[in-house]
């Protein structure tokens, strides 16, 4: 019996590329993926549950987690910490479940530094013009902020070399199909399968 370990899949890309939309559409089809639950110091909103939406923790506890390397990545927004707890990810992977993390580029690079065996997918816009249109369509950004986001996006696109796969988000359904194909192919990789069979052979020899 092969005891298969799950795989950590990390989806990221520039702001406005549609990470959240693609992730939601993916989870409507892929029921076997586990969404990575983040830890945060902000207070729960109405209807949010600890251990379901977030792990809600006090500031001192999260700072201790950062100090002891217990977060695969972390960031601070509006005086609140957000991060990906290593223990939750590793426990879920050991249970044989795939973990899916949707995150900004800087966070993904932190994860890669702390968990190199993950599979990193860069979601790419069809064009910078399309990316600009998507940011403007939100209607929440000033002209100056749109300009700054596009400059940041260009810098983030240059970091694409750190990723294993690139998926162009021209249409959400197409992007989802490509990510599903990546998940399947990763489970069929020779190195991954050989590693599990080697464990079985070693156990039989004992």
N, C-alpha and C. Protein backbone atom coordinates (compact mmCIF):
# COMPACT_ATOMS: atom_id res chain seq x y z
N UNK A 1 0.85 -1.20 0.00
CA UNK A 1 0.00 0.00 0.00
C UNK A 1 0.89 1.25 0.00
N UNK A 2 0.74 2.10 -1.01
CA UNK A 2 1.54 3.31 -1.09
C UNK A 2 0.88 4.41 -0.27
N UNK A 3 1.63 4.94 0.68
CA UNK A 3 1.13 6.01 1.53
C UNK A 3 1.49 7.34 0.86
N UNK A 4 0.60 7.83 0.01
CA UNK A 4 0.92 9.03 -0.76
C UNK A 4 0.80 10.29 0.07
N UNK A 5 1.82 11.12 -0.04
CA UNK A 5 1.81 12.41 0.63
C UNK A 5 1.19 13.43 -0.32
N UNK A 6 0.47 14.39 0.24
CA UNK A 6 -0.14 15.43 -0.58
C UNK A 6 0.91 16.39 -1.13
N UNK A 7 0.49 17.26 -2.01
CA UNK A 7 1.37 18.24 -2.63
C UNK A 7 0.85 19.64 -2.33
N UNK A 8 1.76 20.55 -2.05
CA UNK A 8 1.39 21.96 -1.84
C UNK A 8 1.46 22.68 -3.19
N UNK A 9 0.32 23.23 -3.62
CA UNK A 9 0.25 24.01 -4.85
C UNK A 9 0.07 25.49 -4.48
N UNK A 10 0.92 26.33 -5.03
CA UNK A 10 0.88 27.76 -4.71
C UNK A 10 0.56 28.53 -5.99
N UNK A 11 -0.57 29.24 -5.97
CA UNK A 11 -0.98 30.06 -7.11
C UNK A 11 -0.77 31.54 -6.76
N UNK A 12 -0.01 32.23 -7.61
CA UNK A 12 0.14 33.67 -7.39
C UNK A 12 0.34 34.39 -8.71
N UNK A 13 0.39 35.70 -8.64
CA UNK A 13 0.53 36.52 -9.83
C UNK A 13 0.24 37.96 -9.44
N UNK A 14 0.37 38.89 -10.36
CA UNK A 14 0.19 40.31 -10.03
C UNK A 14 -1.23 40.64 -9.62
N UNK A 15 -1.38 41.72 -8.89
CA UNK A 15 -2.69 42.19 -8.45
C UNK A 15 -3.56 42.48 -9.67
N UNK A 16 -4.81 42.00 -9.65
CA UNK A 16 -5.73 42.25 -10.75
C UNK A 16 -5.76 41.16 -11.79
N UNK A 17 -4.89 40.14 -11.64
CA UNK A 17 -4.82 39.08 -12.65
C UNK A 17 -5.97 38.08 -12.53
N UNK A 18 -6.65 38.08 -11.37
CA UNK A 18 -7.81 37.20 -11.20
C UNK A 18 -7.55 35.95 -10.40
N UNK A 19 -6.60 36.03 -9.46
CA UNK A 19 -6.25 34.84 -8.64
C UNK A 19 -7.46 34.31 -7.87
N UNK A 20 -8.16 35.21 -7.21
CA UNK A 20 -9.30 34.79 -6.39
C UNK A 20 -10.41 34.17 -7.22
N UNK A 21 -10.68 34.76 -8.38
CA UNK A 21 -11.73 34.25 -9.27
C UNK A 21 -11.38 32.85 -9.77
N UNK A 22 -10.12 32.66 -10.19
CA UNK A 22 -9.68 31.36 -10.68
C UNK A 22 -9.72 30.32 -9.57
N UNK A 23 -9.26 30.70 -8.39
CA UNK A 23 -9.24 29.76 -7.25
C UNK A 23 -10.67 29.32 -6.90
N UNK A 24 -11.62 30.25 -6.87
CA UNK A 24 -13.01 29.89 -6.55
C UNK A 24 -13.58 28.94 -7.60
N UNK A 25 -13.31 29.23 -8.86
CA UNK A 25 -13.81 28.36 -9.94
C UNK A 25 -13.16 26.98 -9.87
N UNK A 26 -11.88 26.94 -9.52
CA UNK A 26 -11.17 25.66 -9.38
C UNK A 26 -11.79 24.82 -8.28
N UNK A 27 -12.11 25.45 -7.15
CA UNK A 27 -12.64 24.71 -6.01
C UNK A 27 -14.07 24.25 -6.23
N UNK A 28 -14.76 24.86 -7.18
CA UNK A 28 -16.11 24.38 -7.53
C UNK A 28 -16.03 23.05 -8.27
N UNK A 29 -14.86 22.80 -8.89
CA UNK A 29 -14.67 21.56 -9.67
C UNK A 29 -13.80 20.55 -8.94
N UNK A 30 -12.79 21.04 -8.23
CA UNK A 30 -11.82 20.14 -7.58
C UNK A 30 -12.11 20.04 -6.09
N UNK A 31 -12.93 19.07 -5.73
CA UNK A 31 -13.35 18.94 -4.32
C UNK A 31 -12.28 18.27 -3.45
N UNK A 32 -11.23 17.72 -4.09
CA UNK A 32 -10.21 17.01 -3.31
C UNK A 32 -9.06 17.92 -2.88
N UNK A 33 -9.10 19.19 -3.27
CA UNK A 33 -8.07 20.13 -2.84
C UNK A 33 -8.47 20.77 -1.51
N UNK A 34 -7.48 20.97 -0.64
CA UNK A 34 -7.72 21.63 0.64
C UNK A 34 -7.19 23.06 0.55
N UNK A 35 -8.05 24.03 0.81
CA UNK A 35 -7.58 25.42 0.77
C UNK A 35 -6.78 25.72 2.04
N UNK A 36 -5.64 26.34 1.86
CA UNK A 36 -4.78 26.65 3.01
C UNK A 36 -5.43 27.72 3.89
N UNK A 37 -5.61 27.41 5.15
CA UNK A 37 -6.21 28.37 6.09
C UNK A 37 -5.12 29.24 6.69
N UNK A 38 -5.30 30.55 6.60
CA UNK A 38 -4.31 31.49 7.12
C UNK A 38 -4.56 31.80 8.59
N UNK A 39 -3.49 32.22 9.25
CA UNK A 39 -3.61 32.72 10.62
C UNK A 39 -3.66 34.24 10.53
N UNK A 40 -4.45 34.88 11.39
CA UNK A 40 -4.54 36.34 11.38
C UNK A 40 -4.77 36.88 12.79
N UNK A 41 -4.38 38.13 12.97
CA UNK A 41 -4.60 38.77 14.27
C UNK A 41 -5.84 39.67 14.24
N UNK A 42 -6.47 39.79 13.07
CA UNK A 42 -7.68 40.63 13.04
C UNK A 42 -8.84 39.89 13.69
N UNK A 43 -9.83 40.64 14.10
CA UNK A 43 -10.99 40.06 14.77
C UNK A 43 -11.91 39.39 13.75
N UNK A 44 -12.59 38.31 14.14
CA UNK A 44 -13.50 37.62 13.21
C UNK A 44 -14.65 38.53 12.78
N UNK A 45 -15.03 38.43 11.52
CA UNK A 45 -16.20 39.15 11.03
C UNK A 45 -17.42 38.26 11.27
N UNK A 46 -18.60 38.83 11.11
CA UNK A 46 -19.84 38.09 11.35
C UNK A 46 -19.89 36.85 10.45
N UNK A 47 -20.09 35.69 11.08
CA UNK A 47 -20.21 34.44 10.34
C UNK A 47 -18.91 33.69 10.16
N UNK A 48 -17.77 34.34 10.44
CA UNK A 48 -16.48 33.67 10.28
C UNK A 48 -16.21 32.74 11.47
N UNK A 49 -15.60 31.58 11.16
CA UNK A 49 -15.31 30.60 12.21
C UNK A 49 -13.82 30.33 12.30
N UNK A 50 -13.35 30.20 13.54
CA UNK A 50 -11.95 29.87 13.77
C UNK A 50 -11.67 28.45 13.27
N UNK A 51 -10.60 28.31 12.49
CA UNK A 51 -10.24 27.00 11.95
C UNK A 51 -10.97 26.66 10.67
N UNK A 52 -11.87 27.54 10.23
CA UNK A 52 -12.58 27.33 8.96
C UNK A 52 -12.21 28.45 7.98
N UNK A 53 -12.47 29.70 8.41
CA UNK A 53 -12.13 30.85 7.57
C UNK A 53 -10.68 31.30 7.81
N UNK A 54 -10.33 31.38 9.07
CA UNK A 54 -8.97 31.75 9.50
C UNK A 54 -8.69 31.06 10.83
N UNK A 55 -7.42 31.04 11.21
CA UNK A 55 -7.04 30.75 12.59
C UNK A 55 -6.87 32.12 13.25
N UNK A 56 -7.80 32.49 14.12
CA UNK A 56 -7.74 33.80 14.76
C UNK A 56 -6.87 33.72 16.02
N UNK A 57 -5.81 34.50 16.04
CA UNK A 57 -4.85 34.47 17.13
C UNK A 57 -4.50 35.86 17.61
N UNK A 58 -3.99 35.94 18.85
CA UNK A 58 -3.54 37.22 19.41
C UNK A 58 -2.21 37.63 18.76
N UNK A 59 -1.94 38.92 18.77
CA UNK A 59 -0.73 39.46 18.13
C UNK A 59 0.55 38.83 18.69
N UNK A 60 0.61 38.67 20.00
CA UNK A 60 1.81 38.12 20.64
C UNK A 60 2.08 36.69 20.17
N UNK A 61 1.00 35.91 20.01
CA UNK A 61 1.14 34.52 19.58
C UNK A 61 1.67 34.43 18.15
N UNK A 62 1.16 35.29 17.27
CA UNK A 62 1.61 35.28 15.87
C UNK A 62 3.05 35.76 15.77
N UNK A 63 3.40 36.76 16.56
CA UNK A 63 4.80 37.24 16.55
C UNK A 63 5.75 36.15 17.03
N UNK A 64 5.29 35.33 17.97
CA UNK A 64 6.09 34.20 18.45
C UNK A 64 6.24 33.16 17.33
N UNK A 65 5.15 32.94 16.57
CA UNK A 65 5.19 32.00 15.45
C UNK A 65 6.20 32.47 14.38
N UNK A 66 6.21 33.77 14.13
CA UNK A 66 7.15 34.34 13.16
C UNK A 66 8.59 34.14 13.64
N UNK A 67 8.80 34.42 14.90
CA UNK A 67 10.14 34.30 15.49
C UNK A 67 10.68 32.88 15.41
N UNK A 68 9.80 31.89 15.60
CA UNK A 68 10.22 30.48 15.63
C UNK A 68 10.07 29.78 14.26
N UNK A 69 9.83 30.55 13.21
CA UNK A 69 9.76 29.98 11.87
C UNK A 69 8.57 29.07 11.64
N UNK A 70 7.46 29.34 12.33
CA UNK A 70 6.28 28.48 12.22
C UNK A 70 5.30 28.93 11.13
N UNK A 71 5.67 29.98 10.39
CA UNK A 71 4.86 30.45 9.27
C UNK A 71 5.65 30.31 7.98
N UNK A 72 5.03 29.74 6.95
CA UNK A 72 5.71 29.60 5.66
C UNK A 72 5.86 30.95 4.98
N UNK A 73 4.96 31.87 5.29
CA UNK A 73 5.06 33.24 4.81
C UNK A 73 4.18 34.09 5.72
N UNK A 74 4.46 35.37 5.75
CA UNK A 74 3.62 36.28 6.54
C UNK A 74 3.76 37.70 6.02
N UNK A 75 2.76 38.50 6.31
CA UNK A 75 2.77 39.91 5.93
C UNK A 75 1.93 40.67 6.95
N UNK A 76 2.06 41.98 6.94
CA UNK A 76 1.30 42.81 7.86
C UNK A 76 0.50 43.84 7.06
N UNK A 77 -0.82 43.85 7.26
CA UNK A 77 -1.70 44.80 6.59
C UNK A 77 -2.55 45.50 7.64
N UNK A 78 -2.57 46.82 7.58
CA UNK A 78 -3.38 47.64 8.48
C UNK A 78 -3.25 47.16 9.93
N UNK A 79 -2.03 47.04 10.39
CA UNK A 79 -1.71 46.67 11.78
C UNK A 79 -2.13 45.25 12.16
N UNK A 80 -2.47 44.43 11.19
CA UNK A 80 -2.80 43.03 11.48
C UNK A 80 -1.85 42.10 10.73
N UNK A 81 -1.50 41.00 11.37
CA UNK A 81 -0.65 39.99 10.74
C UNK A 81 -1.51 38.96 10.01
N UNK A 82 -0.98 38.50 8.88
CA UNK A 82 -1.59 37.39 8.13
C UNK A 82 -0.45 36.45 7.75
N UNK A 83 -0.69 35.14 7.84
CA UNK A 83 0.38 34.21 7.48
C UNK A 83 -0.14 32.80 7.24
N UNK A 84 0.74 31.97 6.69
CA UNK A 84 0.40 30.56 6.41
C UNK A 84 1.10 29.66 7.42
N UNK A 85 0.35 29.03 8.32
CA UNK A 85 0.96 28.18 9.35
C UNK A 85 1.56 26.90 8.79
N UNK A 86 2.83 26.68 9.05
CA UNK A 86 3.54 25.50 8.56
C UNK A 86 2.90 24.22 9.09
N UNK A 87 2.53 24.19 10.36
CA UNK A 87 2.00 22.98 10.99
C UNK A 87 0.74 22.49 10.28
N UNK A 88 -0.18 23.42 9.95
CA UNK A 88 -1.43 23.04 9.28
C UNK A 88 -1.13 22.45 7.91
N UNK A 89 -0.25 23.11 7.16
CA UNK A 89 0.09 22.64 5.81
C UNK A 89 0.73 21.25 5.87
N UNK A 90 1.73 21.07 6.74
CA UNK A 90 2.44 19.79 6.80
C UNK A 90 1.53 18.67 7.29
N UNK A 91 0.67 18.95 8.26
CA UNK A 91 -0.27 17.94 8.77
C UNK A 91 -1.24 17.49 7.67
N UNK A 92 -1.75 18.45 6.91
CA UNK A 92 -2.70 18.14 5.84
C UNK A 92 -2.02 17.33 4.74
N UNK A 93 -0.78 17.69 4.40
CA UNK A 93 -0.03 16.95 3.38
C UNK A 93 0.25 15.52 3.83
N UNK A 94 0.57 15.34 5.11
CA UNK A 94 0.84 14.00 5.64
C UNK A 94 -0.40 13.13 5.59
N UNK A 95 -1.58 13.76 5.63
CA UNK A 95 -2.83 13.01 5.54
C UNK A 95 -3.14 12.60 4.10
N UNK A 96 -2.23 12.97 3.18
CA UNK A 96 -2.40 12.60 1.77
C UNK A 96 -3.26 13.55 0.98
N UNK A 97 -3.54 14.72 1.55
CA UNK A 97 -4.38 15.71 0.86
C UNK A 97 -3.51 16.80 0.24
N UNK A 98 -3.91 17.25 -0.94
CA UNK A 98 -3.22 18.37 -1.58
C UNK A 98 -3.69 19.68 -0.95
N UNK A 99 -2.75 20.58 -0.73
CA UNK A 99 -3.07 21.89 -0.16
C UNK A 99 -2.89 22.94 -1.25
N UNK A 100 -3.85 23.86 -1.35
CA UNK A 100 -3.81 24.91 -2.36
C UNK A 100 -3.74 26.27 -1.68
N UNK A 101 -2.76 27.04 -2.09
CA UNK A 101 -2.54 28.36 -1.49
C UNK A 101 -2.58 29.41 -2.58
N UNK A 102 -3.45 30.40 -2.42
CA UNK A 102 -3.55 31.53 -3.36
C UNK A 102 -2.99 32.75 -2.64
N UNK A 103 -1.98 33.39 -3.25
CA UNK A 103 -1.23 34.38 -2.50
C UNK A 103 -0.53 35.38 -3.42
N UNK A 104 -0.13 36.51 -2.86
CA UNK A 104 0.62 37.50 -3.64
C UNK A 104 2.02 36.98 -3.95
N UNK A 105 2.67 37.61 -4.92
CA UNK A 105 3.98 37.15 -5.39
C UNK A 105 5.03 37.15 -4.27
N UNK A 106 5.09 38.21 -3.49
CA UNK A 106 6.10 38.28 -2.42
C UNK A 106 5.91 37.15 -1.42
N UNK A 107 4.65 36.84 -1.11
CA UNK A 107 4.35 35.75 -0.19
C UNK A 107 4.75 34.40 -0.77
N UNK A 108 4.50 34.23 -2.08
CA UNK A 108 4.85 32.97 -2.75
C UNK A 108 6.36 32.74 -2.71
N UNK A 109 7.13 33.81 -2.89
CA UNK A 109 8.59 33.67 -2.86
C UNK A 109 9.08 33.32 -1.45
N UNK A 110 8.36 33.83 -0.43
CA UNK A 110 8.67 33.43 0.96
C UNK A 110 8.42 31.94 1.15
N UNK A 111 7.27 31.48 0.62
CA UNK A 111 6.93 30.06 0.75
C UNK A 111 7.99 29.20 0.07
N UNK A 112 8.43 29.62 -1.11
CA UNK A 112 9.42 28.85 -1.86
C UNK A 112 10.72 28.73 -1.06
N UNK A 113 11.07 29.81 -0.37
CA UNK A 113 12.28 29.80 0.44
C UNK A 113 12.15 28.85 1.62
N UNK A 114 10.94 28.75 2.17
CA UNK A 114 10.71 27.93 3.37
C UNK A 114 10.17 26.53 3.09
N UNK A 115 9.68 26.31 1.86
CA UNK A 115 9.05 25.03 1.53
C UNK A 115 9.27 24.76 0.05
N UNK A 116 10.50 24.47 -0.30
CA UNK A 116 10.89 24.39 -1.72
C UNK A 116 10.21 23.26 -2.49
N UNK A 117 9.69 22.23 -1.77
CA UNK A 117 9.05 21.10 -2.46
C UNK A 117 7.65 21.42 -2.98
N UNK A 118 7.17 22.64 -2.73
CA UNK A 118 5.87 23.05 -3.25
C UNK A 118 5.91 23.21 -4.77
N UNK A 119 4.74 23.27 -5.39
CA UNK A 119 4.63 23.49 -6.84
C UNK A 119 4.08 24.90 -7.04
N UNK A 120 4.83 25.71 -7.76
CA UNK A 120 4.51 27.14 -7.85
C UNK A 120 3.99 27.50 -9.24
N UNK A 121 2.76 28.06 -9.26
CA UNK A 121 2.07 28.39 -10.51
C UNK A 121 1.88 29.90 -10.59
N UNK A 122 2.36 30.48 -11.69
CA UNK A 122 2.23 31.93 -11.90
C UNK A 122 1.06 32.18 -12.83
N UNK A 123 0.08 32.96 -12.35
CA UNK A 123 -1.08 33.31 -13.18
C UNK A 123 -0.75 34.61 -13.92
N UNK A 124 -0.78 34.50 -15.26
CA UNK A 124 -0.28 35.57 -16.11
C UNK A 124 -1.44 36.25 -16.84
N UNK A 125 -1.44 37.58 -16.94
CA UNK A 125 -2.51 38.25 -17.68
C UNK A 125 -2.32 38.08 -19.19
N UNK A 126 -3.39 38.13 -19.98
CA UNK A 126 -3.25 38.02 -21.43
C UNK A 126 -2.36 39.13 -22.00
N UNK A 127 -2.43 40.32 -21.35
CA UNK A 127 -1.59 41.46 -21.73
C UNK A 127 -1.62 42.48 -20.60
N UNK A 128 -0.68 43.41 -20.60
CA UNK A 128 -0.68 44.46 -19.57
C UNK A 128 -1.88 45.37 -19.75
N UNK A 129 -2.30 45.56 -20.99
CA UNK A 129 -3.48 46.39 -21.27
C UNK A 129 -4.72 45.76 -20.63
N UNK A 130 -4.85 44.43 -20.75
CA UNK A 130 -5.97 43.72 -20.14
C UNK A 130 -5.90 43.80 -18.63
N UNK A 131 -4.68 43.69 -18.08
CA UNK A 131 -4.49 43.81 -16.63
C UNK A 131 -4.94 45.19 -16.15
N UNK A 132 -4.55 46.21 -16.88
CA UNK A 132 -4.96 47.59 -16.55
C UNK A 132 -6.48 47.71 -16.57
N UNK A 133 -7.11 47.14 -17.60
CA UNK A 133 -8.58 47.20 -17.71
C UNK A 133 -9.25 46.53 -16.51
N UNK A 134 -8.69 45.40 -16.08
CA UNK A 134 -9.27 44.67 -14.94
C UNK A 134 -9.16 45.49 -13.66
N UNK A 135 -8.02 46.15 -13.47
CA UNK A 135 -7.83 46.97 -12.27
C UNK A 135 -8.77 48.17 -12.30
N UNK A 136 -8.88 48.83 -13.47
CA UNK A 136 -9.74 50.00 -13.61
C UNK A 136 -11.21 49.62 -13.42
N UNK A 137 -11.60 48.45 -13.94
CA UNK A 137 -13.00 47.99 -13.86
C UNK A 137 -13.46 47.81 -12.42
N UNK A 138 -12.51 47.55 -11.52
CA UNK A 138 -12.88 47.40 -10.10
C UNK A 138 -13.58 48.66 -9.60
N UNK A 139 -13.16 49.83 -10.13
CA UNK A 139 -13.76 51.10 -9.73
C UNK A 139 -13.37 51.57 -8.35
N UNK A 140 -12.36 50.93 -7.76
CA UNK A 140 -11.96 51.29 -6.39
C UNK A 140 -10.58 51.96 -6.36
N UNK A 141 -9.94 52.07 -7.54
CA UNK A 141 -8.57 52.57 -7.58
C UNK A 141 -8.49 53.96 -8.21
N UNK A 142 -7.69 54.85 -7.64
CA UNK A 142 -7.44 56.15 -8.25
C UNK A 142 -6.49 55.96 -9.43
N UNK A 143 -6.38 56.97 -10.27
CA UNK A 143 -5.50 56.88 -11.44
C UNK A 143 -4.05 56.65 -11.02
N UNK A 144 -3.65 57.30 -9.93
CA UNK A 144 -2.28 57.14 -9.43
C UNK A 144 -2.05 55.72 -8.92
N UNK A 145 -3.05 55.18 -8.24
CA UNK A 145 -2.93 53.82 -7.69
C UNK A 145 -2.89 52.78 -8.81
N UNK A 146 -3.67 53.01 -9.87
CA UNK A 146 -3.64 52.11 -11.03
C UNK A 146 -2.24 52.10 -11.64
N UNK A 147 -1.66 53.30 -11.77
CA UNK A 147 -0.30 53.42 -12.33
C UNK A 147 0.71 52.66 -11.47
N UNK A 148 0.59 52.83 -10.14
CA UNK A 148 1.51 52.14 -9.22
C UNK A 148 1.34 50.63 -9.26
N UNK A 149 0.09 50.18 -9.38
CA UNK A 149 -0.18 48.73 -9.44
C UNK A 149 0.42 48.13 -10.72
N UNK A 150 0.34 48.86 -11.82
CA UNK A 150 0.91 48.36 -13.08
C UNK A 150 2.43 48.29 -13.01
N UNK A 151 3.05 49.28 -12.37
CA UNK A 151 4.51 49.26 -12.19
C UNK A 151 4.91 48.06 -11.34
N UNK A 152 4.13 47.82 -10.26
CA UNK A 152 4.40 46.68 -9.38
C UNK A 152 4.20 45.37 -10.15
N UNK A 153 3.16 45.34 -11.01
CA UNK A 153 2.87 44.13 -11.79
C UNK A 153 4.04 43.78 -12.72
N UNK A 154 4.63 44.80 -13.34
CA UNK A 154 5.77 44.57 -14.24
C UNK A 154 6.94 43.96 -13.46
N UNK A 155 7.16 44.46 -12.25
CA UNK A 155 8.24 43.92 -11.41
C UNK A 155 7.94 42.48 -11.01
N UNK A 156 6.67 42.20 -10.68
CA UNK A 156 6.29 40.84 -10.28
C UNK A 156 6.39 39.85 -11.44
N UNK A 157 6.05 40.31 -12.65
CA UNK A 157 6.14 39.44 -13.82
C UNK A 157 7.58 39.02 -14.07
N UNK A 158 8.52 39.90 -13.73
CA UNK A 158 9.94 39.58 -13.89
C UNK A 158 10.37 38.46 -12.93
N UNK A 159 9.60 38.24 -11.87
CA UNK A 159 9.91 37.19 -10.90
C UNK A 159 9.37 35.83 -11.33
N UNK A 160 8.76 35.78 -12.50
CA UNK A 160 8.13 34.56 -13.01
C UNK A 160 9.11 33.39 -13.09
N UNK A 161 10.38 33.69 -13.25
CA UNK A 161 11.40 32.64 -13.39
C UNK A 161 11.49 31.74 -12.15
N UNK A 162 10.99 32.23 -11.02
CA UNK A 162 11.05 31.44 -9.79
C UNK A 162 9.95 30.38 -9.73
N UNK A 163 9.06 30.36 -10.72
CA UNK A 163 7.90 29.47 -10.71
C UNK A 163 8.12 28.23 -11.57
N UNK A 164 7.31 27.21 -11.31
CA UNK A 164 7.39 25.96 -12.07
C UNK A 164 6.52 25.99 -13.32
N UNK A 165 5.37 26.68 -13.22
CA UNK A 165 4.42 26.72 -14.32
C UNK A 165 3.89 28.14 -14.50
N UNK A 166 3.47 28.43 -15.73
CA UNK A 166 2.80 29.71 -16.03
C UNK A 166 1.47 29.40 -16.70
N UNK A 167 0.41 29.98 -16.17
CA UNK A 167 -0.93 29.80 -16.75
C UNK A 167 -1.47 31.17 -17.13
N UNK A 168 -1.82 31.34 -18.41
CA UNK A 168 -2.38 32.61 -18.87
C UNK A 168 -3.88 32.63 -18.55
N UNK A 169 -4.31 33.66 -17.85
CA UNK A 169 -5.72 33.75 -17.46
C UNK A 169 -6.49 34.55 -18.52
N UNK A 170 -6.62 33.95 -19.72
CA UNK A 170 -7.41 34.59 -20.77
C UNK A 170 -8.89 34.37 -20.53
N UNK A 171 -9.23 33.12 -20.17
CA UNK A 171 -10.59 32.78 -19.76
C UNK A 171 -10.49 31.92 -18.51
N UNK A 172 -11.35 32.18 -17.53
CA UNK A 172 -11.28 31.49 -16.24
C UNK A 172 -11.35 29.98 -16.40
N UNK A 173 -12.30 29.48 -17.20
CA UNK A 173 -12.45 28.03 -17.37
C UNK A 173 -11.20 27.39 -17.96
N UNK A 174 -10.58 28.07 -18.91
CA UNK A 174 -9.35 27.54 -19.52
C UNK A 174 -8.22 27.50 -18.50
N UNK A 175 -8.12 28.56 -17.69
CA UNK A 175 -7.08 28.62 -16.66
C UNK A 175 -7.27 27.49 -15.64
N UNK A 176 -8.51 27.25 -15.26
CA UNK A 176 -8.83 26.17 -14.30
C UNK A 176 -8.44 24.81 -14.87
N UNK A 177 -8.76 24.58 -16.16
CA UNK A 177 -8.41 23.31 -16.80
C UNK A 177 -6.91 23.07 -16.79
N UNK A 178 -6.16 24.14 -17.04
CA UNK A 178 -4.70 24.02 -17.06
C UNK A 178 -4.16 23.70 -15.67
N UNK A 179 -4.73 24.34 -14.65
CA UNK A 179 -4.27 24.08 -13.27
C UNK A 179 -4.61 22.65 -12.86
N UNK A 180 -5.79 22.17 -13.25
CA UNK A 180 -6.16 20.78 -12.97
C UNK A 180 -5.19 19.82 -13.64
N UNK A 181 -4.77 20.15 -14.86
CA UNK A 181 -3.80 19.30 -15.58
C UNK A 181 -2.45 19.30 -14.87
N UNK A 182 -2.07 20.45 -14.32
CA UNK A 182 -0.81 20.54 -13.57
C UNK A 182 -0.86 19.65 -12.33
N UNK A 183 -1.99 19.70 -11.62
CA UNK A 183 -2.17 18.88 -10.42
C UNK A 183 -2.02 17.40 -10.77
N UNK A 184 -2.67 16.97 -11.83
CA UNK A 184 -2.60 15.56 -12.25
C UNK A 184 -1.19 15.17 -12.66
N UNK A 185 -0.55 16.02 -13.44
CA UNK A 185 0.80 15.68 -13.92
C UNK A 185 1.81 15.62 -12.79
N UNK A 186 1.66 16.47 -11.79
CA UNK A 186 2.57 16.46 -10.65
C UNK A 186 2.48 15.14 -9.88
N UNK A 187 1.28 14.59 -9.79
CA UNK A 187 1.10 13.30 -9.10
C UNK A 187 1.67 12.13 -9.90
N UNK A 188 1.89 12.36 -11.20
CA UNK A 188 2.44 11.30 -12.05
C UNK A 188 3.94 11.45 -12.28
N UNK A 189 4.55 12.46 -11.68
CA UNK A 189 5.98 12.67 -11.89
C UNK A 189 6.80 11.47 -11.40
N UNK A 190 7.75 11.08 -12.22
CA UNK A 190 8.56 9.90 -11.90
C UNK A 190 9.22 10.01 -10.53
N UNK A 191 9.82 11.17 -10.25
CA UNK A 191 10.54 11.32 -8.97
C UNK A 191 9.60 11.11 -7.78
N UNK A 192 8.37 11.64 -7.91
CA UNK A 192 7.41 11.55 -6.81
C UNK A 192 6.93 10.11 -6.62
N UNK A 193 6.58 9.45 -7.74
CA UNK A 193 6.08 8.07 -7.68
C UNK A 193 7.19 7.12 -7.23
N UNK A 194 8.41 7.31 -7.76
CA UNK A 194 9.54 6.45 -7.41
C UNK A 194 9.86 6.52 -5.92
N UNK A 195 9.75 7.72 -5.39
CA UNK A 195 10.04 7.92 -3.97
C UNK A 195 9.09 7.10 -3.09
N UNK A 196 7.81 7.09 -3.47
CA UNK A 196 6.81 6.35 -2.69
C UNK A 196 7.00 4.83 -2.85
N UNK A 197 7.30 4.38 -4.07
CA UNK A 197 7.52 2.95 -4.29
C UNK A 197 8.76 2.46 -3.57
N UNK A 198 9.77 3.32 -3.49
CA UNK A 198 11.01 2.96 -2.80
C UNK A 198 10.72 2.68 -1.32
N UNK A 199 9.83 3.49 -0.74
CA UNK A 199 9.46 3.28 0.67
C UNK A 199 8.78 1.94 0.84
N UNK A 200 7.91 1.57 -0.12
CA UNK A 200 7.19 0.29 -0.06
C UNK A 200 8.19 -0.87 -0.17
N UNK A 201 9.14 -0.76 -1.10
CA UNK A 201 10.13 -1.82 -1.27
C UNK A 201 11.01 -1.98 -0.03
N UNK A 202 11.37 -0.87 0.56
CA UNK A 202 12.22 -0.90 1.76
C UNK A 202 11.46 -1.54 2.92
N UNK A 203 10.16 -1.26 3.03
CA UNK A 203 9.37 -1.84 4.13
C UNK A 203 9.19 -3.35 3.95
N UNK A 204 9.10 -3.79 2.67
CA UNK A 204 8.96 -5.22 2.39
C UNK A 204 10.23 -6.01 2.74
N UNK A 205 11.35 -5.33 2.66
CA UNK A 205 12.62 -6.01 2.94
C UNK A 205 12.87 -6.22 4.42
N UNK A 206 12.13 -5.47 5.25
CA UNK A 206 12.35 -5.56 6.70
C UNK A 206 11.65 -6.78 7.29
